[in-house]
Each structure stands twice: as C-alpha cells, then as structure tokens.
Amino acid sequence: MPNNTDAQAERRKGAIQSAILASVFLLVSAGIKLLLRGFYHVDGFWGAVLLIFSLLELGSLLPVWILLKNRLTEIEGGEEDAAAQY
C-alpha cells in the first residue's frame, strides 16, 4: 500500500504543477495582450479583438482549477489505481 500512496502523491504533485503552469501561461498571455492594447492604443475592431481574447484567457483560469479539483478527487479515490489493474 505505501507504493500506492507514493504513486498518488506523485500524481497529485504533477496535477498541481500542471495547473499552476497553465495558469501562469494564461495570465502572461492575457497580460501581454492587454499591455499591447494599452501601449499601442489599439481601438476599434482590433482593440475589441485583443480585449475579448484576453478576457477569454482569463476566463479559462476557472475551468483549469475546477479540473484540478476533479483530478485530485479522482487520484484520492483511487480510480486510476483501479483502472491500472485491468
């Protein structure tokens, strides 16, 4: 059983690292778009496009963390360990 717990801990660590990395990339990408929009004073259609894409990226942070919560629940429940036995 300790081997199983070690494997779960490793999967938890990997899932958390992935969520953090995805969040950082989304934040940086949205920030760059917003900074470029402000720095170059992009208005009109293309300004709206940059703003919409930035907001979509920021909005996608929530699903990343919801999926992490679900993934951690699966890991804790041992679903992946049970599937590996087949």
C-alpha atoms as a PDB file:
ATOM      1  CA  MET A   1       0.000   0.000   0.000  1.00  0.00           C
ATOM      2  CA  PRO A   2       2.843   2.526   0.628  1.00  0.00           C
ATOM      3  CA  ASN A   3       3.821   2.186  -3.020  1.00  0.00           C
ATOM      4  CA  ASN A   4       0.245   3.094  -3.971  1.00  0.00           C
ATOM      5  CA  THR A   5       0.349   6.172  -1.717  1.00  0.00           C
ATOM      6  CA  ASP A   6       3.663   7.255  -3.235  1.00  0.00           C
ATOM      7  CA  ALA A   7       2.211   6.959  -6.720  1.00  0.00           C
ATOM      8  CA  GLN A   8      -0.829   9.006  -5.687  1.00  0.00           C
ATOM      9  CA  ALA A   9       1.393  11.688  -4.156  1.00  0.00           C
ATOM     10  CA  GLU A  10       3.417  11.852  -7.359  1.00  0.00           C
ATOM     11  CA  ARG A  11       0.255  12.169  -9.486  1.00  0.00           C
ATOM     12  CA  ARG A  12      -1.091  14.880  -7.151  1.00  0.00           C
ATOM     13  CA  LYS A  13       2.154  16.813  -7.426  1.00  0.00           C
ATOM     14  CA  GLY A  14       2.115  16.552 -11.215  1.00  0.00           C
ATOM     15  CA  ALA A  15      -1.507  17.663 -11.450  1.00  0.00           C
ATOM     16  CA  ILE A  16      -0.892  20.703  -9.242  1.00  0.00           C
ATOM     17  CA  GLN A  17       2.229  21.668 -11.179  1.00  0.00           C
ATOM     18  CA  SER A  18       0.325  21.398 -14.461  1.00  0.00           C
ATOM     19  CA  ALA A  19      -2.490  23.614 -13.191  1.00  0.00           C
ATOM     20  CA  ILE A  20      -0.034  26.229 -11.944  1.00  0.00           C
ATOM     21  CA  LEU A  21       1.916  26.201 -15.207  1.00  0.00           C
ATOM     22  CA  ALA A  22      -1.257  26.508 -17.303  1.00  0.00           C
ATOM     23  CA  SER A  23      -2.448  29.380 -15.101  1.00  0.00           C
ATOM     24  CA  VAL A  24       0.853  31.217 -15.430  1.00  0.00           C
ATOM     25  CA  PHE A  25       0.812  30.857 -19.218  1.00  0.00           C
ATOM     26  CA  LEU A  26      -2.779  32.088 -19.418  1.00  0.00           C
ATOM     27  CA  LEU A  27      -2.076  35.059 -17.144  1.00  0.00           C
ATOM     28  CA  VAL A  28       1.081  36.043 -19.023  1.00  0.00           C
ATOM     29  CA  SER A  29      -0.592  35.716 -22.410  1.00  0.00           C
ATOM     30  CA  ALA A  30      -3.641  37.751 -21.356  1.00  0.00           C
ATOM     31  CA  GLY A  31      -1.406  40.342 -19.707  1.00  0.00           C
ATOM     32  CA  ILE A  32       0.718  40.741 -22.822  1.00  0.00           C
ATOM     33  CA  LYS A  33      -2.383  41.245 -24.961  1.00  0.00           C
ATOM     34  CA  LEU A  34      -3.764  43.843 -22.576  1.00  0.00           C
ATOM     35  CA  LEU A  35      -0.409  45.636 -22.321  1.00  0.00           C
ATOM     36  CA  LEU A  36      -0.019  45.729 -26.101  1.00  0.00           C
ATOM     37  CA  ARG A  37      -3.563  47.023 -26.465  1.00  0.00           C
ATOM     38  CA  GLY A  38      -2.861  49.804 -23.973  1.00  0.00           C
ATOM     39  CA  PHE A  39       0.684  50.624 -25.108  1.00  0.00           C
ATOM     40  CA  TYR A  40      -0.225  50.987 -28.776  1.00  0.00           C
ATOM     41  CA  HIS A  41      -3.658  52.493 -28.048  1.00  0.00           C
ATOM     42  CA  VAL A  42      -5.399  49.921 -30.209  1.00  0.00           C
ATOM     43  CA  ASP A  43      -9.026  50.932 -30.585  1.00  0.00           C
ATOM     44  CA  GLY A  44     -11.888  49.879 -32.778  1.00  0.00           C
ATOM     45  CA  PHE A  45     -12.249  46.353 -34.079  1.00  0.00           C
ATOM     46  CA  TRP A  46      -8.728  45.095 -33.286  1.00  0.00           C
ATOM     47  CA  GLY A  47      -8.794  46.608 -29.820  1.00  0.00           C
ATOM     48  CA  ALA A  48     -12.030  44.748 -29.157  1.00  0.00           C
ATOM     49  CA  VAL A  49     -10.495  41.537 -30.515  1.00  0.00           C
ATOM     50  CA  LEU A  50      -7.491  41.842 -28.178  1.00  0.00           C
ATOM     51  CA  LEU A  51      -9.769  42.601 -25.249  1.00  0.00           C
ATOM     52  CA  ILE A  52     -12.072  39.649 -25.991  1.00  0.00           C
ATOM     53  CA  PHE A  53      -9.156  37.227 -26.380  1.00  0.00           C
ATOM     54  CA  SER A  54      -7.615  38.473 -23.128  1.00  0.00           C
ATOM     55  CA  LEU A  55     -10.877  38.066 -21.257  1.00  0.00           C
ATOM     56  CA  LEU A  56     -11.381  34.577 -22.704  1.00  0.00           C
ATOM     57  CA  GLU A  57      -7.935  33.558 -21.487  1.00  0.00           C
ATOM     58  CA  LEU A  58      -8.600  34.993 -18.046  1.00  0.00           C
ATOM     59  CA  GLY A  59     -11.976  33.250 -18.012  1.00  0.00           C
ATOM     60  CA  SER A  60     -10.347  29.934 -18.811  1.00  0.00           C
ATOM     61  CA  LEU A  61      -8.477  30.044 -15.500  1.00  0.00           C
ATOM     62  CA  LEU A  62     -11.603  28.937 -13.653  1.00  0.00           C
ATOM     63  CA  PRO A  63     -12.029  25.679 -15.616  1.00  0.00           C
ATOM     64  CA  VAL A  64      -8.339  24.865 -15.088  1.00  0.00           C
ATOM     65  CA  TRP A  65      -8.788  24.939 -11.312  1.00  0.00           C
ATOM     66  CA  ILE A  66     -12.130  23.113 -11.454  1.00  0.00           C
ATOM     67  CA  LEU A  67     -10.488  20.360 -13.477  1.00  0.00           C
ATOM     68  CA  LEU A  68      -7.619  20.230 -10.975  1.00  0.00           C
ATOM     69  CA  LYS A  69     -10.107  19.729  -8.158  1.00  0.00           C
ATOM     70  CA  ASN A  70     -11.780  16.900 -10.095  1.00  0.00           C
ATOM     71  CA  ARG A  71      -8.412  15.341 -10.900  1.00  0.00           C
ATOM     72  CA  LEU A  72      -7.335  15.422  -7.258  1.00  0.00           C
ATOM     73  CA  THR A  73     -10.640  13.796  -6.278  1.00  0.00           C
ATOM     74  CA  GLU A  74     -10.015  11.022  -8.817  1.00  0.00           C
ATOM     75  CA  ILE A  75      -6.494  10.494  -7.520  1.00  0.00           C
ATOM     76  CA  GLU A  76      -7.671  10.355  -3.907  1.00  0.00           C
ATOM     77  CA  GLY A  77     -10.473   7.958  -4.830  1.00  0.00           C
ATOM     78  CA  GLY A  78      -8.011   5.535  -6.368  1.00  0.00           C
ATOM     79  CA  GLU A  79      -9.886   5.397  -9.672  1.00  0.00           C
ATOM     80  CA  GLU A  80      -6.668   5.491 -11.637  1.00  0.00           C
ATOM     81  CA  ASP A  81      -5.151   2.729  -9.496  1.00  0.00           C
ATOM     82  CA  ALA A  82      -8.229   0.569 -10.018  1.00  0.00           C
ATOM     83  CA  ALA A  83      -8.104   1.126 -13.776  1.00  0.00           C
ATOM     84  CA  ALA A  84      -4.411   0.175 -13.872  1.00  0.00           C
ATOM     85  CA  GLN A  85      -5.262  -3.294 -12.542  1.00  0.00           C
ATOM     86  CA  TYR A  86      -7.118  -4.196 -15.751  1.00  0.00           C
END
